[in-house]
Amino acid sequence: MHTDHELRSERPLRLEKAHAKVIECLSGTAWITAYAQFEDCVLRSGERYTIPNDGLVLVEAVGSGHIRVHGTAAPRPALLRWLNLALPHTLHIRNT
């Protein structure tokens, strides 16, 4: 699932609790400022950015532009079963 947004300069889009969602720049240039990140990110048409945490994210256009925000993909059950079989020692905690 995704949502499309039209961006304008000086009118930032606010995203909250969006950890691991993906911002895709469809047209124009998008300037992204994310909570606790030392550097901002600038996307051009066709580029993507994965939101690193649940903090506030501001997305603004340089001029005008369009972005798409993709939802996160759920982990696949088969992959989780394989990881549990391959790495059982990392999934269980022992008291010593």
N, C-alpha and C. Protein backbone atom coordinates (compact mmCIF):
# COMPACT_ATOMS: atom_id res chain seq x y z
N MET A 1 0.84 -1.17 0.00
CA MET A 1 0.00 0.00 0.00
C MET A 1 0.89 1.24 0.00
N HIS A 2 0.43 2.30 -0.65
CA HIS A 2 1.21 3.52 -0.70
C HIS A 2 0.29 4.74 -0.75
N THR A 3 0.87 5.89 -0.45
CA THR A 3 0.14 7.15 -0.57
C THR A 3 1.02 8.12 -1.36
N ASP A 4 0.38 8.88 -2.23
CA ASP A 4 1.09 9.88 -3.02
C ASP A 4 0.85 11.27 -2.43
N HIS A 5 1.88 12.12 -2.50
CA HIS A 5 1.80 13.47 -1.95
C HIS A 5 2.40 14.47 -2.92
N GLU A 6 1.73 15.59 -3.11
CA GLU A 6 2.28 16.69 -3.88
C GLU A 6 3.02 17.58 -2.88
N LEU A 7 4.25 17.95 -3.21
CA LEU A 7 5.07 18.77 -2.31
C LEU A 7 5.26 20.17 -2.88
N ARG A 8 5.40 21.12 -1.96
CA ARG A 8 5.74 22.50 -2.33
C ARG A 8 6.81 22.99 -1.37
N SER A 9 7.63 23.92 -1.84
CA SER A 9 8.64 24.47 -0.94
C SER A 9 7.96 25.28 0.15
N GLU A 10 8.56 25.26 1.31
CA GLU A 10 8.08 25.96 2.51
C GLU A 10 6.75 25.42 3.03
N ARG A 11 6.34 24.21 2.61
CA ARG A 11 5.13 23.54 3.10
C ARG A 11 5.48 22.08 3.37
N PRO A 12 6.28 21.79 4.42
CA PRO A 12 6.75 20.42 4.62
C PRO A 12 5.64 19.44 4.99
N LEU A 13 5.79 18.23 4.50
CA LEU A 13 4.93 17.12 4.87
C LEU A 13 5.51 16.51 6.13
N ARG A 14 4.68 16.30 7.15
CA ARG A 14 5.12 15.69 8.41
C ARG A 14 4.75 14.21 8.42
N LEU A 15 5.73 13.37 8.70
CA LEU A 15 5.51 11.93 8.85
C LEU A 15 5.97 11.53 10.24
N GLU A 16 5.14 10.84 10.97
CA GLU A 16 5.50 10.36 12.31
C GLU A 16 5.18 8.88 12.42
N LYS A 17 5.94 8.20 13.28
CA LYS A 17 5.78 6.76 13.48
C LYS A 17 5.77 6.03 12.14
N ALA A 18 6.76 6.31 11.34
CA ALA A 18 6.84 5.76 9.98
C ALA A 18 8.10 4.93 9.77
N HIS A 19 8.66 4.37 10.85
CA HIS A 19 9.89 3.58 10.76
C HIS A 19 9.80 2.53 9.66
N ALA A 20 10.83 2.47 8.83
CA ALA A 20 11.02 1.49 7.76
C ALA A 20 10.11 1.72 6.55
N LYS A 21 9.31 2.76 6.55
CA LYS A 21 8.57 3.09 5.33
C LYS A 21 9.55 3.69 4.33
N VAL A 22 9.19 3.63 3.07
CA VAL A 22 10.08 4.08 2.01
C VAL A 22 9.47 5.29 1.30
N ILE A 23 10.26 6.35 1.19
CA ILE A 23 9.84 7.54 0.44
C ILE A 23 10.47 7.44 -0.94
N GLU A 24 9.64 7.51 -1.97
CA GLU A 24 10.11 7.48 -3.35
C GLU A 24 9.80 8.82 -4.01
N CYS A 25 10.79 9.43 -4.59
CA CYS A 25 10.59 10.70 -5.29
C CYS A 25 10.10 10.39 -6.70
N LEU A 26 8.89 10.85 -7.03
CA LEU A 26 8.31 10.60 -8.35
C LEU A 26 8.67 11.69 -9.35
N SER A 27 8.77 12.93 -8.86
CA SER A 27 9.17 14.03 -9.74
C SER A 27 9.71 15.17 -8.89
N GLY A 28 10.53 16.00 -9.49
CA GLY A 28 11.12 17.13 -8.78
C GLY A 28 12.23 16.68 -7.84
N THR A 29 12.44 17.47 -6.79
CA THR A 29 13.48 17.19 -5.79
C THR A 29 12.86 17.29 -4.41
N ALA A 30 13.09 16.26 -3.56
CA ALA A 30 12.55 16.23 -2.20
C ALA A 30 13.69 16.34 -1.20
N TRP A 31 13.51 17.21 -0.21
CA TRP A 31 14.49 17.41 0.86
C TRP A 31 13.91 16.74 2.11
N ILE A 32 14.66 15.80 2.70
CA ILE A 32 14.17 15.03 3.84
C ILE A 32 15.03 15.30 5.06
N THR A 33 14.38 15.64 6.16
CA THR A 33 15.02 15.81 7.45
C THR A 33 14.39 14.81 8.41
N ALA A 34 15.19 13.90 8.96
CA ALA A 34 14.68 12.84 9.84
C ALA A 34 15.27 12.98 11.24
N TYR A 35 14.45 12.72 12.24
CA TYR A 35 14.85 12.78 13.64
C TYR A 35 16.11 11.97 13.89
N ALA A 36 17.04 12.54 14.63
CA ALA A 36 18.27 11.90 15.10
C ALA A 36 19.26 11.54 13.97
N GLN A 37 19.07 12.08 12.80
CA GLN A 37 20.01 11.85 11.70
C GLN A 37 20.88 13.10 11.56
N PHE A 38 22.17 12.91 11.41
CA PHE A 38 23.10 14.03 11.36
C PHE A 38 23.07 14.77 10.03
N GLU A 39 22.62 14.10 8.99
CA GLU A 39 22.59 14.73 7.67
C GLU A 39 21.20 14.62 7.08
N ASP A 40 20.79 15.63 6.33
CA ASP A 40 19.55 15.58 5.58
C ASP A 40 19.79 14.77 4.31
N CYS A 41 18.71 14.39 3.66
CA CYS A 41 18.81 13.61 2.42
C CYS A 41 18.06 14.37 1.33
N VAL A 42 18.63 14.41 0.15
CA VAL A 42 17.98 15.03 -1.00
C VAL A 42 17.73 13.94 -2.04
N LEU A 43 16.46 13.79 -2.42
CA LEU A 43 16.10 12.79 -3.42
C LEU A 43 15.72 13.48 -4.73
N ARG A 44 16.13 12.87 -5.81
CA ARG A 44 15.70 13.30 -7.14
C ARG A 44 14.79 12.22 -7.71
N SER A 45 14.12 12.54 -8.77
CA SER A 45 13.17 11.61 -9.36
C SER A 45 13.76 10.20 -9.52
N GLY A 46 13.03 9.21 -9.03
CA GLY A 46 13.47 7.82 -9.13
C GLY A 46 14.25 7.31 -7.93
N GLU A 47 14.68 8.20 -7.03
CA GLU A 47 15.46 7.77 -5.86
C GLU A 47 14.54 7.48 -4.68
N ARG A 48 15.05 6.67 -3.73
CA ARG A 48 14.27 6.25 -2.56
C ARG A 48 15.06 6.47 -1.27
N TYR A 49 14.31 6.60 -0.19
CA TYR A 49 14.89 6.78 1.14
C TYR A 49 14.06 5.95 2.12
N THR A 50 14.72 5.14 2.95
CA THR A 50 14.04 4.36 3.97
C THR A 50 14.11 5.11 5.29
N ILE A 51 12.97 5.33 5.91
CA ILE A 51 12.90 6.09 7.17
C ILE A 51 13.54 5.26 8.28
N PRO A 52 14.54 5.83 8.98
CA PRO A 52 15.36 5.04 9.91
C PRO A 52 14.76 4.81 11.30
N ASN A 53 13.74 5.56 11.69
CA ASN A 53 13.19 5.42 13.04
C ASN A 53 11.76 5.97 13.08
N ASP A 54 11.15 5.94 14.27
CA ASP A 54 9.77 6.41 14.42
C ASP A 54 9.66 7.90 14.74
N GLY A 55 10.78 8.62 14.74
CA GLY A 55 10.76 10.05 15.03
C GLY A 55 10.16 10.85 13.88
N LEU A 56 10.03 12.14 14.09
CA LEU A 56 9.46 13.04 13.10
C LEU A 56 10.33 13.10 11.84
N VAL A 57 9.68 13.05 10.69
CA VAL A 57 10.34 13.21 9.39
C VAL A 57 9.64 14.34 8.66
N LEU A 58 10.41 15.29 8.15
CA LEU A 58 9.87 16.39 7.36
C LEU A 58 10.34 16.21 5.92
N VAL A 59 9.39 16.30 4.99
CA VAL A 59 9.71 16.16 3.57
C VAL A 59 9.21 17.42 2.87
N GLU A 60 10.11 18.10 2.19
CA GLU A 60 9.76 19.35 1.53
C GLU A 60 10.34 19.34 0.12
N ALA A 61 9.64 19.99 -0.79
CA ALA A 61 10.14 20.07 -2.16
C ALA A 61 11.10 21.24 -2.31
N VAL A 62 12.03 21.08 -3.22
CA VAL A 62 12.86 22.19 -3.67
C VAL A 62 12.15 22.65 -4.95
N GLY A 63 11.31 23.65 -4.81
CA GLY A 63 10.42 24.05 -5.91
C GLY A 63 9.10 23.33 -5.73
N SER A 64 8.85 22.31 -6.55
CA SER A 64 7.66 21.47 -6.40
C SER A 64 8.03 20.05 -6.76
N GLY A 65 7.20 19.12 -6.35
CA GLY A 65 7.48 17.73 -6.66
C GLY A 65 6.41 16.80 -6.13
N HIS A 66 6.56 15.53 -6.43
CA HIS A 66 5.64 14.50 -5.97
C HIS A 66 6.45 13.36 -5.37
N ILE A 67 5.94 12.82 -4.26
CA ILE A 67 6.56 11.65 -3.64
C ILE A 67 5.50 10.59 -3.42
N ARG A 68 5.97 9.37 -3.22
CA ARG A 68 5.11 8.24 -2.83
C ARG A 68 5.71 7.66 -1.56
N VAL A 69 4.85 7.42 -0.56
CA VAL A 69 5.30 6.78 0.68
C VAL A 69 4.76 5.35 0.66
N HIS A 70 5.69 4.40 0.63
CA HIS A 70 5.35 2.98 0.60
C HIS A 70 5.30 2.46 2.03
N GLY A 71 4.33 1.58 2.31
CA GLY A 71 4.27 0.91 3.61
C GLY A 71 5.40 -0.09 3.76
N THR A 72 5.62 -0.54 4.96
CA THR A 72 6.68 -1.51 5.20
C THR A 72 6.21 -2.90 4.79
N ALA A 73 7.14 -3.71 4.39
CA ALA A 73 6.83 -5.09 4.03
C ALA A 73 6.94 -5.95 5.28
N ALA A 74 5.97 -6.80 5.48
CA ALA A 74 5.99 -7.71 6.63
C ALA A 74 7.03 -8.80 6.39
N PRO A 75 7.72 -9.24 7.46
CA PRO A 75 8.69 -10.32 7.29
C PRO A 75 7.97 -11.58 6.78
N ARG A 76 8.62 -12.30 5.91
CA ARG A 76 8.01 -13.50 5.36
C ARG A 76 8.16 -14.66 6.34
N PRO A 77 7.08 -15.40 6.61
CA PRO A 77 7.13 -16.50 7.58
C PRO A 77 8.19 -17.55 7.24
N ALA A 78 8.36 -17.88 5.96
CA ALA A 78 9.36 -18.90 5.59
C ALA A 78 10.76 -18.44 5.97
N LEU A 79 11.06 -17.16 5.75
CA LEU A 79 12.37 -16.63 6.11
C LEU A 79 12.58 -16.69 7.62
N LEU A 80 11.56 -16.35 8.39
CA LEU A 80 11.68 -16.40 9.85
C LEU A 80 11.90 -17.83 10.34
N ARG A 81 11.21 -18.80 9.74
CA ARG A 81 11.43 -20.21 10.13
C ARG A 81 12.85 -20.63 9.81
N TRP A 82 13.37 -20.23 8.64
CA TRP A 82 14.73 -20.58 8.26
C TRP A 82 15.73 -19.98 9.22
N LEU A 83 15.53 -18.71 9.58
CA LEU A 83 16.44 -18.06 10.53
C LEU A 83 16.42 -18.76 11.88
N ASN A 84 15.27 -19.18 12.34
CA ASN A 84 15.17 -19.88 13.61
C ASN A 84 15.92 -21.20 13.57
N LEU A 85 15.87 -21.89 12.44
CA LEU A 85 16.61 -23.16 12.31
C LEU A 85 18.10 -22.92 12.14
N ALA A 86 18.47 -21.92 11.38
CA ALA A 86 19.89 -21.68 11.08
C ALA A 86 20.63 -21.01 12.23
N LEU A 87 19.95 -20.18 12.99
CA LEU A 87 20.60 -19.41 14.05
C LEU A 87 19.87 -19.54 15.39
N PRO A 88 19.64 -20.74 15.87
CA PRO A 88 18.84 -20.89 17.09
C PRO A 88 19.50 -20.26 18.32
N HIS A 89 20.81 -20.24 18.36
CA HIS A 89 21.50 -19.69 19.53
C HIS A 89 21.31 -18.18 19.66
N THR A 90 20.99 -17.50 18.58
CA THR A 90 20.81 -16.04 18.66
C THR A 90 19.38 -15.66 19.02
N LEU A 91 18.47 -16.63 18.96
CA LEU A 91 17.07 -16.33 19.23
C LEU A 91 16.62 -16.73 20.63
N HIS A 92 17.47 -17.43 21.36
CA HIS A 92 17.12 -17.86 22.71
C HIS A 92 18.08 -17.25 23.71
N ILE A 93 17.56 -16.86 24.86
CA ILE A 93 18.40 -16.26 25.91
C ILE A 93 18.53 -17.25 27.04
N ARG A 94 19.76 -17.43 27.50
CA ARG A 94 20.01 -18.35 28.62
C ARG A 94 20.40 -17.56 29.85
N ASN A 95 19.95 -18.05 30.98
CA ASN A 95 20.41 -17.48 32.25
C ASN A 95 21.59 -18.30 32.74
N THR A 96 22.69 -17.64 33.08
CA THR A 96 23.86 -18.40 33.55
C THR A 96 24.17 -18.07 34.98
